[in-house]
Amino acid sequence: MQFIITAYDGSDPDALSRRMNVRPKHLENIAKVKEAGHVICAGGITDPEGLLKGSFLVMDFGTRAKLDEYMESEPYVTENVWQDIRIETCNVVVMGTIKK
């Protein structure tokens, strides 16, 4: 089952510094989840100035419960970086890198 997660950081003055402080833990965790085959693609959402303000992840888990287990251990969740999280099922039909 595939999911798209759109997660926005808080809007408080410390939001970006909180993200950057937690980022190493997030990257370590997402690498493990990717190695297990759950990450289709992921990246940052930026504001018009190019500063990070959230994340998007397209993931594949057997069930919503398995995705929820991942989310409960995700550092951006546990460390209160993501404050507005939306999760929807999706159907990925194109995967990999598109070459020009």
Protein backbone atom coordinates (compact mmCIF):
# COMPACT_ATOMS: atom_id res chain seq x y z
CA MET A 1 0.00 0.00 0.00
CA GLN A 2 1.45 3.36 -1.01
CA PHE A 3 1.09 6.58 0.92
CA ILE A 4 1.94 10.22 0.36
CA ILE A 5 2.81 12.14 3.49
CA THR A 6 2.81 15.92 3.41
CA ALA A 7 4.19 17.32 6.65
CA TYR A 8 4.61 21.00 7.45
CA ASP A 9 6.88 22.36 10.15
CA GLY A 10 5.67 24.72 12.84
CA SER A 11 5.42 28.41 12.02
CA ASP A 12 7.11 29.63 15.20
CA PRO A 13 10.43 31.53 15.03
CA ASP A 14 12.40 28.43 16.15
CA ALA A 15 10.89 26.05 13.55
CA LEU A 16 13.82 26.07 11.11
CA SER A 17 16.48 25.71 13.79
CA ARG A 18 14.49 22.89 15.41
CA ARG A 19 14.35 21.12 12.02
CA MET A 20 18.06 21.55 11.41
CA ASN A 21 18.93 20.28 14.91
CA VAL A 22 16.81 17.14 14.42
CA ARG A 23 17.78 16.59 10.78
CA PRO A 24 20.70 14.19 11.42
CA LYS A 25 18.40 11.89 13.43
CA HIS A 26 15.74 12.12 10.70
CA LEU A 27 18.24 11.27 7.94
CA GLU A 28 19.62 8.33 9.90
CA ASN A 29 16.10 7.01 10.48
CA ILE A 30 14.92 7.52 6.90
CA ALA A 31 18.03 5.70 5.61
CA LYS A 32 17.00 2.62 7.63
CA VAL A 33 13.44 2.80 6.35
CA LYS A 34 14.72 3.23 2.77
CA GLU A 35 17.02 0.23 3.16
CA ALA A 36 13.98 -1.79 4.26
CA GLY A 37 12.30 -0.83 0.95
CA HIS A 38 9.64 1.54 2.26
CA VAL A 39 10.76 4.85 0.70
CA ILE A 40 9.76 5.52 -2.90
CA CYS A 41 10.86 9.17 -2.81
CA ALA A 42 11.13 11.98 -0.29
CA GLY A 43 12.25 15.57 -0.07
CA GLY A 44 11.83 18.97 1.47
CA ILE A 45 9.12 21.54 0.87
CA THR A 46 10.56 25.04 0.60
CA ASP A 47 9.25 28.56 0.92
CA PRO A 48 9.77 31.16 -1.86
CA GLU A 49 13.23 31.96 -0.43
CA GLY A 50 14.25 28.31 -0.61
CA LEU A 51 14.13 27.70 3.15
CA LEU A 52 12.77 24.36 4.31
CA LYS A 53 9.27 24.50 5.73
CA GLY A 54 8.14 20.88 5.51
CA SER A 55 8.60 17.49 3.92
CA PHE A 56 6.94 15.12 1.47
CA LEU A 57 7.39 11.38 1.47
CA VAL A 58 6.00 8.74 -0.84
CA MET A 59 6.22 5.44 0.99
CA ASP A 60 5.21 1.82 0.62
CA PHE A 61 4.06 -0.17 3.65
CA GLY A 62 1.97 -3.33 3.81
CA THR A 63 -0.68 -1.64 5.95
CA ARG A 64 -1.60 1.73 7.39
CA ALA A 65 -0.73 0.29 10.81
CA LYS A 66 2.87 -0.31 9.64
CA LEU A 67 3.08 3.27 8.38
CA ASP A 68 1.74 4.49 11.72
CA GLU A 69 4.49 2.51 13.51
CA TYR A 70 7.08 4.30 11.40
CA MET A 71 5.49 7.68 12.09
CA GLU A 72 5.53 7.07 15.85
CA SER A 73 9.33 6.70 15.71
CA GLU A 74 10.05 9.42 13.12
CA PRO A 75 12.29 12.06 14.78
CA TYR A 76 10.52 14.94 13.02
CA VAL A 77 7.34 13.73 14.77
CA THR A 78 8.83 12.88 18.17
CA GLU A 79 10.85 16.13 18.27
CA ASN A 80 7.85 18.29 17.24
CA VAL A 81 9.29 19.48 13.91
CA TRP A 82 6.29 18.42 11.82
CA GLN A 83 3.17 20.05 13.20
CA ASP A 84 0.68 19.63 10.34
CA ILE A 85 0.78 16.12 8.89
CA ARG A 86 -1.48 14.81 6.13
CA ILE A 87 -1.42 11.19 5.02
CA GLU A 88 -3.27 9.84 2.00
CA THR A 89 -3.10 6.64 0.02
CA CYS A 90 -1.76 6.97 -3.49
CA ASN A 91 -0.90 4.91 -6.54
CA VAL A 92 2.63 5.48 -7.86
CA VAL A 93 2.86 4.61 -11.53
CA VAL A 94 6.24 6.11 -12.50
CA MET A 95 9.32 5.30 -10.43
CA GLY A 96 13.00 5.96 -10.90
CA THR A 97 14.89 8.79 -12.50
CA ILE A 98 13.65 10.35 -15.70
CA LYS A 99 16.58 11.27 -17.94
CA LYS A 100 16.45 14.26 -20.24
